Structures are given as C-alpha cells and as structure tokens.
PDB file of N, CA and C in Angstrom:
ATOM      1  N   MET A   1     112.844 117.799 101.174  1.00  0.00           N
ATOM      2  CA  MET A   1     111.719 117.585 100.309  1.00  0.00           C
ATOM      3  C   MET A   1     111.991 116.256  99.656  1.00  0.00           C
ATOM      4  N   PRO A   2     111.119 115.528  99.419  1.00  0.00           N
ATOM      5  CA  PRO A   2     110.017 115.619  98.472  1.00  0.00           C
ATOM      6  C   PRO A   2     108.652 115.419  99.110  1.00  0.00           C
ATOM      7  N   TYR A   3     107.659 115.480  98.244  1.00  0.00           N
ATOM      8  CA  TYR A   3     106.298 115.134  98.616  1.00  0.00           C
ATOM      9  C   TYR A   3     105.927 113.855  97.869  1.00  0.00           C
ATOM     10  N   ILE A   4     105.358 112.887  98.587  1.00  0.00           N
ATOM     11  CA  ILE A   4     105.000 111.596  98.007  1.00  0.00           C
ATOM     12  C   ILE A   4     103.537 111.305  98.310  1.00  0.00           C
ATOM     13  N   ASN A   5     102.813 110.863  97.296  1.00  0.00           N
ATOM     14  CA  ASN A   5     101.427 110.434  97.471  1.00  0.00           C
ATOM     15  C   ASN A   5     101.311 109.014  96.919  1.00  0.00           C
ATOM     16  N   LEU A   6     100.964 108.085  97.801  1.00  0.00           N
ATOM     17  CA  LEU A   6     100.773 106.686  97.421  1.00  0.00           C
ATOM     18  C   LEU A   6      99.300 106.350  97.599  1.00  0.00           C
ATOM     19  N   LYS A   7      98.663 106.010  96.484  1.00  0.00           N
ATOM     20  CA  LYS A   7      97.267 105.594  96.510  1.00  0.00           C
ATOM     21  C   LYS A   7      97.226 104.105  96.209  1.00  0.00           C
ATOM     22  N   THR A   8      96.427 103.379  96.970  1.00  0.00           N
ATOM     23  CA  THR A   8      96.320 101.945  96.756  1.00  0.00           C
ATOM     24  C   THR A   8      94.943 101.460  97.190  1.00  0.00           C
ATOM     25  N   ASN A   9      94.596 100.287  96.696  1.00  0.00           N
ATOM     26  CA  ASN A   9      93.327  99.680  97.090  1.00  0.00           C
ATOM     27  C   ASN A   9      93.548  98.321  97.754  1.00  0.00           C
ATOM     28  N   LEU A  10      94.695  98.173  98.421  1.00  0.00           N
ATOM     29  CA  LEU A  10      94.961  96.919  99.130  1.00  0.00           C
ATOM     30  C   LEU A  10      93.833  96.609 100.100  1.00  0.00           C
ATOM     31  N   ARG A  11      93.416  95.367 100.114  1.00  0.00           N
ATOM     32  CA  ARG A  11      92.346  94.968 101.039  1.00  0.00           C
ATOM     33  C   ARG A  11      92.851  94.956 102.479  1.00  0.00           C
ATOM     34  N   ASN A  12      94.103  94.608 102.687  1.00  0.00           N
ATOM     35  CA  ASN A  12      94.686  94.545 104.042  1.00  0.00           C
ATOM     36  C   ASN A  12      95.590  95.760 104.279  1.00  0.00           C
ATOM     37  N   PHE A  13      95.077  96.916 103.896  1.00  0.00           N
ATOM     38  CA  PHE A  13      95.806  98.183 103.939  1.00  0.00           C
ATOM     39  C   PHE A  13      96.393  98.481 105.322  1.00  0.00           C
ATOM     40  N   GLU A  14      95.583  98.407 106.356  1.00  0.00           N
ATOM     41  CA  GLU A  14      96.042  98.783 107.699  1.00  0.00           C
ATOM     42  C   GLU A  14      97.204  97.911 108.165  1.00  0.00           C
ATOM     43  N   GLU A  15      97.198  96.644 107.796  1.00  0.00           N
ATOM     44  CA  GLU A  15      98.284  95.734 108.178  1.00  0.00           C
ATOM     45  C   GLU A  15      99.596  96.080 107.479  1.00  0.00           C
ATOM     46  N   LYS A  16      99.516  96.649 106.289  1.00  0.00           N
ATOM     47  CA  LYS A  16     100.713  96.859 105.461  1.00  0.00           C
ATOM     48  C   LYS A  16     101.107  98.318 105.303  1.00  0.00           C
ATOM     49  N   LYS A  17     100.327  99.219 105.854  1.00  0.00           N
ATOM     50  CA  LYS A  17     100.563 100.656 105.699  1.00  0.00           C
ATOM     51  C   LYS A  17     101.953 101.077 106.175  1.00  0.00           C
ATOM     52  N   ASN A  18     102.340 100.679 107.377  1.00  0.00           N
ATOM     53  CA  ASN A  18     103.639 101.088 107.916  1.00  0.00           C
ATOM     54  C   ASN A  18     104.801 100.505 107.115  1.00  0.00           C
ATOM     55  N   GLU A  19     104.650  99.288 106.645  1.00  0.00           N
ATOM     56  CA  GLU A  19     105.691  98.667 105.823  1.00  0.00           C
ATOM     57  C   GLU A  19     105.854  99.427 104.497  1.00  0.00           C
ATOM     58  N   MET A  20     104.738  99.834 103.900  1.00  0.00           N
ATOM     59  CA  MET A  20     104.803 100.623 102.666  1.00  0.00           C
ATOM     60  C   MET A  20     105.463 101.970 102.924  1.00  0.00           C
ATOM     61  N   LEU A  21     105.108 102.612 104.029  1.00  0.00           N
ATOM     62  CA  LEU A  21     105.684 103.903 104.394  1.00  0.00           C
ATOM     63  C   LEU A  21     107.203 103.794 104.551  1.00  0.00           C
ATOM     64  N   LYS A  22     107.660 102.789 105.297  1.00  0.00           N
ATOM     65  CA  LYS A  22     109.100 102.603 105.507  1.00  0.00           C
ATOM     66  C   LYS A  22     109.832 102.373 104.193  1.00  0.00           C
ATOM     67  N   LEU A  23     109.261 101.560 103.318  1.00  0.00           N
ATOM     68  CA  LEU A  23     109.870 101.283 102.016  1.00  0.00           C
ATOM     69  C   LEU A  23     110.053 102.567 101.215  1.00  0.00           C
ATOM     70  N   VAL A  24     109.006 103.350 101.127  1.00  0.00           N
ATOM     71  CA  VAL A  24     109.033 104.562 100.307  1.00  0.00           C
ATOM     72  C   VAL A  24     110.017 105.592 100.870  1.00  0.00           C
ATOM     73  N   VAL A  25     109.997 105.805 102.173  1.00  0.00           N
ATOM     74  CA  VAL A  25     110.902 106.791 102.785  1.00  0.00           C
ATOM     75  C   VAL A  25     112.358 106.339 102.649  1.00  0.00           C
ATOM     76  N   LEU A  26     112.622 105.061 102.882  1.00  0.00           N
ATOM     77  CA  LEU A  26     113.990 104.546 102.769  1.00  0.00           C
ATOM     78  C   LEU A  26     114.511 104.633 101.340  1.00  0.00           C
ATOM     79  N   ALA A  27     113.693 104.261 100.360  1.00  0.00           N
ATOM     80  CA  ALA A  27     114.122 104.345  98.957  1.00  0.00           C
ATOM     81  C   ALA A  27     114.370 105.791  98.557  1.00  0.00           C
ATOM     82  N   THR A  28     113.540 106.695  99.044  1.00  0.00           N
ATOM     83  CA  THR A  28     113.696 108.118  98.737  1.00  0.00           C
ATOM     84  C   THR A  28     115.010 108.642  99.310  1.00  0.00           C
ATOM     85  N   LYS A  29     115.333 108.201 100.506  1.00  0.00           N
ATOM     86  CA  LYS A  29     116.580 108.622 101.164  1.00  0.00           C
ATOM     87  C   LYS A  29     117.793 107.967 100.501  1.00  0.00           C
ATOM     88  N   ASP A  30     117.761 106.635 100.373  1.00  0.00           N
ATOM     89  CA  ASP A  30     118.942 105.894  99.922  1.00  0.00           C
ATOM     90  C   ASP A  30     119.223 106.022  98.426  1.00  0.00           C
ATOM     91  N   ILE A  31     118.191 106.077  97.614  1.00  0.00           N
ATOM     92  CA  ILE A  31     118.393 106.110  96.165  1.00  0.00           C
ATOM     93  C   ILE A  31     118.419 107.536  95.631  1.00  0.00           C
ATOM     94  N   LEU A  32     117.463 108.349  96.075  1.00  0.00           N
ATOM     95  CA  LEU A  32     117.372 109.713  95.556  1.00  0.00           C
ATOM     96  C   LEU A  32     118.142 110.719  96.402  1.00  0.00           C
ATOM     97  N   GLY A  33     118.618 110.284  97.579  1.00  0.00           N
ATOM     98  CA  GLY A  33     119.430 111.157  98.423  1.00  0.00           C
ATOM     99  C   GLY A  33     118.650 112.268  99.104  1.00  0.00           C
ATOM    100  N   LYS A  34     117.355 112.037  99.339  1.00  0.00           N
ATOM    101  CA  LYS A  34     116.522 113.067  99.954  1.00  0.00           C
ATOM    102  C   LYS A  34     116.548 112.948 101.474  1.00  0.00           C
ATOM    103  N   ASP A  35     116.438 114.080 102.141  1.00  0.00           N
ATOM    104  CA  ASP A  35     116.461 114.161 103.605  1.00  0.00           C
ATOM    105  C   ASP A  35     115.123 113.694 104.161  1.00  0.00           C
ATOM    106  N   GLU A  36     115.125 112.612 104.917  1.00  0.00           N
ATOM    107  CA  GLU A  36     113.876 112.058 105.440  1.00  0.00           C
ATOM    108  C   GLU A  36     113.181 113.009 106.423  1.00  0.00           C
ATOM    109  N   LYS A  37     113.932 113.960 107.000  1.00  0.00           N
ATOM    110  CA  LYS A  37     113.330 114.898 107.949  1.00  0.00           C
ATOM    111  C   LYS A  37     112.340 115.850 107.274  1.00  0.00           C
ATOM    112  N   VAL A  38     112.443 115.997 105.956  1.00  0.00           N
ATOM    113  CA  VAL A  38     111.526 116.877 105.221  1.00  0.00           C
ATOM    114  C   VAL A  38     110.800 116.119 104.105  1.00  0.00           C
ATOM    115  N   THR A  39     110.757 114.795 104.209  1.00  0.00           N
ATOM    116  CA  THR A  39     110.018 113.976 103.244  1.00  0.00           C
ATOM    117  C   THR A  39     108.590 113.828 103.742  1.00  0.00           C
ATOM    118  N   SER A  40     107.663 114.377 102.988  1.00  0.00           N
ATOM    119  CA  SER A  40     106.248 114.353 103.344  1.00  0.00           C
ATOM    120  C   SER A  40     105.554 113.245 102.552  1.00  0.00           C
ATOM    121  N   VAL A  41     104.841 112.361 103.260  1.00  0.00           N
ATOM    122  CA  VAL A  41     104.213 111.206 102.619  1.00  0.00           C
ATOM    123  C   VAL A  41     102.734 111.149 102.992  1.00  0.00           C
ATOM    124  N   LEU A  42     101.901 111.024 101.975  1.00  0.00           N
ATOM    125  CA  LEU A  42     100.470 110.793 102.168  1.00  0.00           C
ATOM    126  C   LEU A  42     100.144 109.440 101.551  1.00  0.00           C
ATOM    127  N   ILE A  43      99.627 108.523 102.365  1.00  0.00           N
ATOM    128  CA  ILE A  43      99.215 107.211 101.863  1.00  0.00           C
ATOM    129  C   ILE A  43      97.700 107.150 101.975  1.00  0.00           C
ATOM    130  N   GLU A  44      97.065 106.902 100.839  1.00  0.00           N
ATOM    131  CA  GLU A  44      95.611 106.888 100.782  1.00  0.00           C
ATOM    132  C   GLU A  44      95.091 105.505 100.413  1.00  0.00           C
ATOM    133  N   LYS A  45      94.086 105.060 101.149  1.00  0.00           N
ATOM    134  CA  LYS A  45      93.406 103.807 100.829  1.00  0.00           C
ATOM    135  C   LYS A  45      92.148 104.123 100.048  1.00  0.00           C
ATOM    136  N   LEU A  46      92.030 103.491  98.904  1.00  0.00           N
ATOM    137  CA  LEU A  46      90.839 103.642  98.082  1.00  0.00           C
ATOM    138  C   LEU A  46      90.043 102.344  98.125  1.00  0.00           C
ATOM    139  N   PRO A  47      88.745 102.416  97.957  1.00  0.00           N
ATOM    140  CA  PRO A  47      87.947 101.184  97.969  1.00  0.00           C
ATOM    141  C   PRO A  47      88.403 100.223  96.870  1.00  0.00           C
ATOM    142  N   PHE A  48      88.523  98.957  97.213  1.00  0.00           N
ATOM    143  CA  PHE A  48      88.994  97.961  96.244  1.00  0.00           C
ATOM    144  C   PHE A  48      88.182  98.002  94.961  1.00  0.00           C
ATOM    145  N   LYS A  49      86.905  98.095  95.082  1.00  0.00           N
ATOM    146  CA  LYS A  49      86.033  98.021  93.900  1.00  0.00           C
ATOM    147  C   LYS A  49      86.068  99.285  93.043  1.00  0.00           C
ATOM    148  N   SER A  50      86.785 100.306  93.489  1.00  0.00           N
ATOM    149  CA  SER A  50      86.839 101.549  92.719  1.00  0.00           C
ATOM    150  C   SER A  50      87.949 101.565  91.676  1.00  0.00           C
ATOM    151  N   TRP A  51      88.868 100.595  91.707  1.00  0.00           N
ATOM    152  CA  TRP A  51      90.037 100.630  90.821  1.00  0.00           C
ATOM    153  C   TRP A  51      89.993  99.469  89.852  1.00  0.00           C
ATOM    154  N   HIS A  52      90.131  99.793  88.575  1.00  0.00           N
ATOM    155  CA  HIS A  52      90.048  98.784  87.516  1.00  0.00           C
ATOM    156  C   HIS A  52      91.222  98.911  86.570  1.00  0.00           C
ATOM    157  N   ILE A  53      91.686  97.781  86.099  1.00  0.00           N
ATOM    158  CA  ILE A  53      92.677  97.726  85.028  1.00  0.00           C
ATOM    159  C   ILE A  53      92.045  96.877  83.923  1.00  0.00           C
ATOM    160  N   ASN A  54      91.884  97.489  82.758  1.00  0.00           N
ATOM    161  CA  ASN A  54      91.220  96.819  81.641  1.00  0.00           C
ATOM    162  C   ASN A  54      89.843  96.290  82.061  1.00  0.00           C
ATOM    163  N   SER A  55      89.095  97.121  82.755  1.00  0.00           N
ATOM    164  CA  SER A  55      87.733  96.815  83.207  1.00  0.00           C
ATOM    165  C   SER A  55      87.639  95.692  84.233  1.00  0.00           C
ATOM    166  N   ILE A  56      88.765  95.309  84.817  1.00  0.00           N
ATOM    167  CA  ILE A  56      88.788  94.237  85.816  1.00  0.00           C
ATOM    168  C   ILE A  56      89.246  94.828  87.150  1.00  0.00           C
ATOM    169  N   ASN A  57      88.497  94.540  88.203  1.00  0.00           N
ATOM    170  CA  ASN A  57      88.905  94.949  89.544  1.00  0.00           C
ATOM    171  C   ASN A  57      90.276  94.357  89.838  1.00  0.00           C
ATOM    172  N   SER A  58      91.236  95.199  90.211  1.00  0.00           N
ATOM    173  CA  SER A  58      92.604  94.719  90.431  1.00  0.00           C
ATOM    174  C   SER A  58      93.213  95.378  91.647  1.00  0.00           C
ATOM    175  N   THR A  59      94.089  94.652  92.322  1.00  0.00           N
ATOM    176  CA  THR A  59      94.876  95.218  93.412  1.00  0.00           C
ATOM    177  C   THR A  59      96.020  95.987  92.764  1.00  0.00           C
ATOM    178  N   THR A  60      96.128  97.260  93.085  1.00  0.00           N
ATOM    179  CA  THR A  60      97.103  98.094  92.396  1.00  0.00           C
ATOM    180  C   THR A  60      97.517  99.281  93.266  1.00  0.00           C
ATOM    181  N   PHE A  61      98.412 100.112  92.723  1.00  0.00           N
ATOM    182  CA  PHE A  61      98.799 101.347  93.390  1.00  0.00           C
ATOM    183  C   PHE A  61      99.209 102.373  92.355  1.00  0.00           C
ATOM    184  N   PHE A  62      99.238 103.617  92.779  1.00  0.00           N
ATOM    185  CA  PHE A  62      99.801 104.718  92.009  1.00  0.00           C
ATOM    186  C   PHE A  62     100.609 105.548  92.982  1.00  0.00           C
ATOM    187  N   LEU A  63     101.892 105.683  92.715  1.00  0.00           N
ATOM    188  CA  LEU A  63     102.764 106.478  93.568  1.00  0.00           C
ATOM    189  C   LEU A  63     103.273 107.656  92.760  1.00  0.00           C
ATOM    190  N   GLU A  64     103.098 108.845  93.321  1.00  0.00           N
ATOM    191  CA  GLU A  64     103.610 110.057  92.702  1.00  0.00           C
ATOM    192  C   GLU A  64     104.573 110.705  93.683  1.00  0.00           C
ATOM    193  N   ILE A  65     105.754 111.030  93.185  1.00  0.00           N
ATOM    194  CA  ILE A  65     106.746 111.716  94.009  1.00  0.00           C
ATOM    195  C   ILE A  65     107.142 113.009  93.304  1.00  0.00           C
ATOM    196  N   LYS A  66     107.144 114.093  94.046  1.00  0.00           N
ATOM    197  CA  LYS A  66     107.537 115.394  93.515  1.00  0.00           C
ATOM    198  C   LYS A  66     108.915 115.739  94.062  1.00  0.00           C
ATOM    199  N   ILE A  67     109.827 115.984  93.124  1.00  0.00           N
ATOM    200  CA  ILE A  67     111.199 116.354  93.479  1.00  0.00           C
ATOM    201  C   ILE A  67     111.599 117.584  92.675  1.00  0.00           C
ATOM    202  N   THR A  68     112.681 118.211  93.074  1.00  0.00           N
ATOM    203  CA  THR A  68     113.174 119.378  92.355  1.00  0.00           C
ATOM    204  C   THR A  68     113.839 118.939  91.055  1.00  0.00           C
ATOM    205  N   LYS A  69     113.475 119.602  89.983  1.00  0.00           N
ATOM    206  CA  LYS A  69     113.988 119.291  88.653  1.00  0.00           C
ATOM    207  C   LYS A  69     115.514 119.354  88.641  1.00  0.00           C
ATOM    208  N   GLY A  70     116.111 118.306  88.076  1.00  0.00           N
ATOM    209  CA  GLY A  70     117.561 118.257  87.936  1.00  0.00           C
ATOM    210  C   GLY A  70     118.301 117.767  89.168  1.00  0.00           C
ATOM    211  N   SER A  71     117.568 117.392  90.222  1.00  0.00           N
ATOM    212  CA  SER A  71     118.242 116.984  91.456  1.00  0.00           C
ATOM    213  C   SER A  71     118.633 115.511  91.465  1.00  0.00           C
ATOM    214  N   ASN A  72     118.177 114.748  90.473  1.00  0.00           N
ATOM    215  CA  ASN A  72     118.529 113.329  90.394  1.00  0.00           C
ATOM    216  C   ASN A  72     118.818 112.931  88.958  1.00  0.00           C
ATOM    217  N   THR A  73     119.670 111.922  88.820  1.00  0.00           N
ATOM    218  CA  THR A  73     120.037 111.437  87.493  1.00  0.00           C
ATOM    219  C   THR A  73     118.969 110.494  86.951  1.00  0.00           C
ATOM    220  N   GLU A  74     119.028 110.238  85.666  1.00  0.00           N
ATOM    221  CA  GLU A  74     118.128 109.281  85.024  1.00  0.00           C
ATOM    222  C   GLU A  74     118.283 107.899  85.652  1.00  0.00           C
ATOM    223  N   GLU A  75     119.511 107.519  85.968  1.00  0.00           N
ATOM    224  CA  GLU A  75     119.782 106.215  86.580  1.00  0.00           C
ATOM    225  C   GLU A  75     119.179 106.116  87.973  1.00  0.00           C
ATOM    226  N   GLU A  76     119.305 107.171  88.760  1.00  0.00           N
ATOM    227  CA  GLU A  76     118.713 107.163  90.108  1.00  0.00           C
ATOM    228  C   GLU A  76     117.199 107.037  90.040  1.00  0.00           C
ATOM    229  N   LYS A  77     116.594 107.758  89.116  1.00  0.00           N
ATOM    230  CA  LYS A  77     115.134 107.706  88.982  1.00  0.00           C
ATOM    231  C   LYS A  77     114.687 106.312  88.536  1.00  0.00           C
ATOM    232  N   ALA A  78     115.396 105.717  87.597  1.00  0.00           N
ATOM    233  CA  ALA A  78     115.063 104.359  87.138  1.00  0.00           C
ATOM    234  C   ALA A  78     115.205 103.349  88.277  1.00  0.00           C
ATOM    235  N   GLU A  79     116.263 103.487  89.060  1.00  0.00           N
ATOM    236  CA  GLU A  79     116.461 102.579  90.199  1.00  0.00           C
ATOM    237  C   GLU A  79     115.350 102.761  91.236  1.00  0.00           C
ATOM    238  N   PHE A  80     114.966 104.002  91.494  1.00  0.00           N
ATOM    239  CA  PHE A  80     113.889 104.273  92.441  1.00  0.00           C
ATOM    240  C   PHE A  80     112.600 103.584  91.993  1.00  0.00           C
ATOM    241  N   ILE A  81     112.257 103.734  90.734  1.00  0.00           N
ATOM    242  CA  ILE A  81     111.041 103.110  90.202  1.00  0.00           C
ATOM    243  C   ILE A  81     111.095 101.603  90.381  1.00  0.00           C
ATOM    244  N   LYS A  82     112.223 100.985  90.054  1.00  0.00           N
ATOM    245  CA  LYS A  82     112.347  99.531  90.163  1.00  0.00           C
ATOM    246  C   LYS A  82     112.276  99.062  91.619  1.00  0.00           C
ATOM    247  N   ILE A  83     113.038  99.697  92.488  1.00  0.00           N
ATOM    248  CA  ILE A  83     113.100  99.278  93.894  1.00  0.00           C
ATOM    249  C   ILE A  83     111.745  99.458  94.584  1.00  0.00           C
ATOM    250  N   VAL A  84     111.077 100.574  94.338  1.00  0.00           N
ATOM    251  CA  VAL A  84     109.775 100.803  94.971  1.00  0.00           C
ATOM    252  C   VAL A  84     108.740  99.828  94.427  1.00  0.00           C
ATOM    253  N   TYR A  85     108.709  99.621  93.115  1.00  0.00           N
ATOM    254  CA  TYR A  85     107.753  98.651  92.561  1.00  0.00           C
ATOM    255  C   TYR A  85     108.018  97.254  93.132  1.00  0.00           C
ATOM    256  N   ASP A  86     109.269  96.818  93.069  1.00  0.00           N
ATOM    257  CA  ASP A  86     109.611  95.484  93.582  1.00  0.00           C
ATOM    258  C   ASP A  86     109.292  95.361  95.071  1.00  0.00           C
ATOM    259  N   GLY A  87     109.537  96.422  95.831  1.00  0.00           N
ATOM    260  CA  GLY A  87     109.252  96.406  97.259  1.00  0.00           C
ATOM    261  C   GLY A  87     107.768  96.317  97.553  1.00  0.00           C
ATOM    262  N   LEU A  88     106.963  97.074  96.822  1.00  0.00           N
ATOM    263  CA  LEU A  88     105.519  97.006  97.023  1.00  0.00           C
ATOM    264  C   LEU A  88     104.971  95.661  96.561  1.00  0.00           C
ATOM    265  N   LYS A  89     105.565  95.093  95.516  1.00  0.00           N
ATOM    266  CA  LYS A  89     105.165  93.762  95.042  1.00  0.00           C
ATOM    267  C   LYS A  89     105.512  92.704  96.096  1.00  0.00           C
ATOM    268  N   ALA A  90     106.619  92.878  96.797  1.00  0.00           N
ATOM    269  CA  ALA A  90     106.997  91.950  97.868  1.00  0.00           C
ATOM    270  C   ALA A  90     106.033  92.075  99.062  1.00  0.00           C
ATOM    271  N   ILE A  91     105.595  93.296  99.346  1.00  0.00           N
ATOM    272  CA  ILE A  91     104.644  93.513 100.437  1.00  0.00           C
ATOM    273  C   ILE A  91     103.280  92.915 100.075  1.00  0.00           C
ATOM    274  N   GLU A  92     102.873  93.072  98.825  1.00  0.00           N
ATOM    275  CA  GLU A  92     101.581  92.544  98.364  1.00  0.00           C
ATOM    276  C   GLU A  92     101.776  91.863  97.003  1.00  0.00           C
ATOM    277  N   PRO A  93     102.014  90.559  97.007  1.00  0.00           N
ATOM    278  CA  PRO A  93     102.296  89.828  95.762  1.00  0.00           C
ATOM    279  C   PRO A  93     101.195  89.908  94.704  1.00  0.00           C
ATOM    280  N   ASN A  94      99.960  90.236  95.098  1.00  0.00           N
ATOM    281  CA  ASN A  94      98.868  90.313  94.123  1.00  0.00           C
ATOM    282  C   ASN A  94      98.773  91.654  93.407  1.00  0.00           C
ATOM    283  N   ILE A  95      99.734  92.547  93.660  1.00  0.00           N
ATOM    284  CA  ILE A  95      99.741  93.848  92.988  1.00  0.00           C
ATOM    285  C   ILE A  95      99.835  93.624  91.475  1.00  0.00           C
ATOM    286  N   SER A  96      99.025  94.355  90.735  1.00  0.00           N
ATOM    287  CA  SER A  96      99.040  94.277  89.270  1.00  0.00           C
ATOM    288  C   SER A  96     100.350  94.845  88.715  1.00  0.00           C
ATOM    289  N   PHE A  97     100.790  94.256  87.598  1.00  0.00           N
ATOM    290  CA  PHE A  97     101.977  94.803  86.933  1.00  0.00           C
ATOM    291  C   PHE A  97     101.680  96.195  86.385  1.00  0.00           C
ATOM    292  N   ALA A  98     100.408  96.521  86.185  1.00  0.00           N
ATOM    293  CA  ALA A  98      99.999  97.836  85.693  1.00  0.00           C
ATOM    294  C   ALA A  98      99.780  98.782  86.874  1.00  0.00           C
ATOM    295  N   SER A  99     100.759  98.831  87.754  1.00  0.00           N
ATOM    296  CA  SER A  99     100.790  99.770  88.873  1.00  0.00           C
ATOM    297  C   SER A  99     101.885 100.778  88.546  1.00  0.00           C
ATOM    298  N   TYR A 100     101.608 102.045  88.766  1.00  0.00           N
ATOM    299  CA  TYR A 100     102.464 103.090  88.218  1.00  0.00           C
ATOM    300  C   TYR A 100     103.169 103.927  89.275  1.00  0.00           C
ATOM    301  N   ILE A 101     104.372 104.372  88.892  1.00  0.00           N
ATOM    302  CA  ILE A 101     105.164 105.295  89.700  1.00  0.00           C
ATOM    303  C   ILE A 101     105.500 106.481  88.803  1.00  0.00           C
ATOM    304  N   LEU A 102     105.167 107.672  89.272  1.00  0.00           N
ATOM    305  CA  LEU A 102     105.403 108.898  88.520  1.00  0.00           C
ATOM    306  C   LEU A 102     106.364 109.778  89.305  1.00  0.00           C
ATOM    307  N   ILE A 103     107.459 110.141  88.678  1.00  0.00           N
ATOM    308  CA  ILE A 103     108.393 111.096  89.274  1.00  0.00           C
ATOM    309  C   ILE A 103     108.151 112.433  88.586  1.00  0.00           C
ATOM    310  N   ASP A 104     107.637 113.372  89.342  1.00  0.00           N
ATOM    311  CA  ASP A 104     107.287 114.695  88.827  1.00  0.00           C
ATOM    312  C   ASP A 104     108.389 115.661  89.252  1.00  0.00           C
ATOM    313  N   GLU A 105     109.122 116.167  88.273  1.00  0.00           N
ATOM    314  CA  GLU A 105     110.212 117.103  88.562  1.00  0.00           C
ATOM    315  C   GLU A 105     109.708 118.538  88.415  1.00  0.00           C
ATOM    316  N   ILE A 106     109.818 119.284  89.497  1.00  0.00           N
ATOM    317  CA  ILE A 106     109.287 120.641  89.558  1.00  0.00           C
ATOM    318  C   ILE A 106     110.446 121.638  89.609  1.00  0.00           C
ATOM    319  N   ASN A 107     110.318 122.724  88.874  1.00  0.00           N
ATOM    320  CA  ASN A 107     111.343 123.772  88.915  1.00  0.00           C
ATOM    321  C   ASN A 107     111.516 124.274  90.339  1.00  0.00           C
ATOM    322  N   GLY A 108     112.753 124.524  90.721  1.00  0.00           N
ATOM    323  CA  GLY A 108     113.074 124.953  92.078  1.00  0.00           C
ATOM    324  C   GLY A 108     112.429 126.260  92.494  1.00  0.00           C
ATOM    325  N   ASP A 109     112.078 127.099  91.527  1.00  0.00           N
ATOM    326  CA  ASP A 109     111.433 128.362  91.864  1.00  0.00           C
ATOM    327  C   ASP A 109     109.922 128.215  92.039  1.00  0.00           C
ATOM    328  N   SER A 110     109.413 126.992  91.811  1.00  0.00           N
ATOM    329  CA  SER A 110     107.965 126.772  91.851  1.00  0.00           C
ATOM    330  C   SER A 110     107.481 126.023  93.083  1.00  0.00           C
ATOM    331  N   TRP A 111     108.403 125.682  93.979  1.00  0.00           N
ATOM    332  CA  TRP A 111     107.962 125.016  95.203  1.00  0.00           C
ATOM    333  C   TRP A 111     109.046 125.078  96.250  1.00  0.00           C
ATOM    334  N   GLY A 112     108.632 124.854  97.500  1.00  0.00           N
ATOM    335  CA  GLY A 112     109.575 124.881  98.601  1.00  0.00           C
ATOM    336  C   GLY A 112     108.884 124.513  99.896  1.00  0.00           C
ATOM    337  N   TYR A 113     109.590 124.665 100.993  1.00  0.00           N
ATOM    338  CA  TYR A 113     109.015 124.428 102.323  1.00  0.00           C
ATOM    339  C   TYR A 113     109.607 125.444 103.280  1.00  0.00           C
ATOM    340  N   ASP A 114     108.973 125.603 104.407  1.00  0.00           N
ATOM    341  CA  ASP A 114     109.388 126.560 105.429  1.00  0.00           C
ATOM    342  C   ASP A 114     109.443 127.977 104.861  1.00  0.00           C
ATOM    343  N   GLY A 115     108.583 128.243 103.863  1.00  0.00           N
ATOM    344  CA  GLY A 115     108.495 129.572 103.277  1.00  0.00           C
ATOM    345  C   GLY A 115     109.634 129.939 102.342  1.00  0.00           C
ATOM    346  N   ILE A 116     110.460 128.955 101.950  1.00  0.00           N
ATOM    347  CA  ILE A 116     111.611 129.226 101.084  1.00  0.00           C
ATOM    348  C   ILE A 116     111.532 128.310  99.870  1.00  0.00           C
ATOM    349  N   SER A 117     111.646 128.889  98.670  1.00  0.00           N
ATOM    350  CA  SER A 117     111.642 128.054  97.470  1.00  0.00           C
ATOM    351  C   SER A 117     112.929 127.223  97.431  1.00  0.00           C
ATOM    352  N   GLN A 118     112.872 126.125  96.726  1.00  0.00           N
ATOM    353  CA  GLN A 118     114.060 125.271  96.616  1.00  0.00           C
ATOM    354  C   GLN A 118     115.195 126.014  95.914  1.00  0.00           C
ATOM    355  N   LYS A 119     114.864 126.833  94.931  1.00  0.00           N
ATOM    356  CA  LYS A 119     115.889 127.618  94.239  1.00  0.00           C
ATOM    357  C   LYS A 119     116.591 128.553  95.220  1.00  0.00           C
ATOM    358  N   ASN A 120     115.820 129.251  96.047  1.00  0.00           N
ATOM    359  CA  ASN A 120     116.431 130.160  97.021  1.00  0.00           C
ATOM    360  C   ASN A 120     117.179 129.401  98.107  1.00  0.00           C
ATOM    361  N   ARG A 121     116.651 128.264  98.509  1.00  0.00           N
ATOM    362  CA  ARG A 121     117.333 127.429  99.518  1.00  0.00           C
ATOM    363  C   ARG A 121     118.706 127.013  98.997  1.00  0.00           C
ATOM    364  N   TYR A 122     118.756 126.575  97.743  1.00  0.00           N
ATOM    365  CA  TYR A 122     120.022 126.134  97.153  1.00  0.00           C
ATOM    366  C   TYR A 122     120.976 127.318  97.009  1.00  0.00           C
ATOM    367  N   SER A 123     120.452 128.484  96.619  1.00  0.00           N
ATOM    368  CA  SER A 123     121.281 129.686  96.460  1.00  0.00           C
ATOM    369  C   SER A 123     121.887 130.108  97.799  1.00  0.00           C
ATOM    370  N   GLU A 124     121.112 129.978  98.882  1.00  0.00           N
ATOM    371  CA  GLU A 124     121.595 130.359 100.210  1.00  0.00           C
ATOM    372  C   GLU A 124     122.735 129.460 100.684  1.00  0.00           C
ATOM    373  N   LYS A 125     122.739 128.195 100.228  1.00  0.00           N
ATOM    374  CA  LYS A 125     123.793 127.251 100.636  1.00  0.00           C
ATOM    375  C   LYS A 125     125.093 127.513  99.894  1.00  0.00           C
ATOM    376  N   SER A 126     125.005 128.118  98.709  1.00  0.00           N
ATOM    377  CA  SER A 126     126.204 128.356  97.877  1.00  0.00           C
ATOM    378  C   SER A 126     127.049 129.487  98.380  1.00  0.00           C
TER     379      SER A 126
END
C-alpha cells in the first residue's frame, strides 16, 4: 500500500504523465519504504481553466497519499513532500508554489488490500 491520487491541470499532461508517475512511485518506495507492487496511483487531468489560485488561472497540482498511521516518521514525510514537490516542479517549471501534498494517515484497522486490513496483515507477520 499506499493509495495515491495526483490531480493536475498541466496543459501538456499526456507528455508528462509517465514522468510524474515514475517520480511519485519512486519517492514512495525510496523515501517512505512502500512496496511498489501494491502502490496504487490515480493521475487525473483537470481542465486548465477549472483551477484557480487567488482567482487566477494557475498551473498546479494536488497530491494525496494514504498510508497506514504510524508507518513513517515525521522526517520521512517531510522529505517526501519536498522531493515530490521539487520533482513535479522540475517536470513542469510553471507549477504554482501553492500546489499541495497531503499525507493522510489511516488507522491500520480501517483499510487494507486483498481482503486483509493493514492491522491484521501486520499481526500475521509478527
């Protein structure tokens, strides 16, 4: 796990989609230590004119990642936010500084995959 949703209004979305995907999956694996085999990513393109920052049409993104609560340190989460933001800014230099990354920590008993909650998965490994 985790589940990642990246929403953006890049005008050249199709050209940069795979590069964004690779960045996010690699950062999730290398910084947060998540298994890429179960990392689920949804990248959504929104119309450019639909997104505004301070009433101004802006190139931006919102990335939300759901991870199990307590599975990463404050330092790892801070590094993830910095590396992903910097990486997306490198892919698209016109990205607004008001582009957000949200790390949503979910209790292990409240989510899972393959029909097993993360709490039970962790208990089975112990």
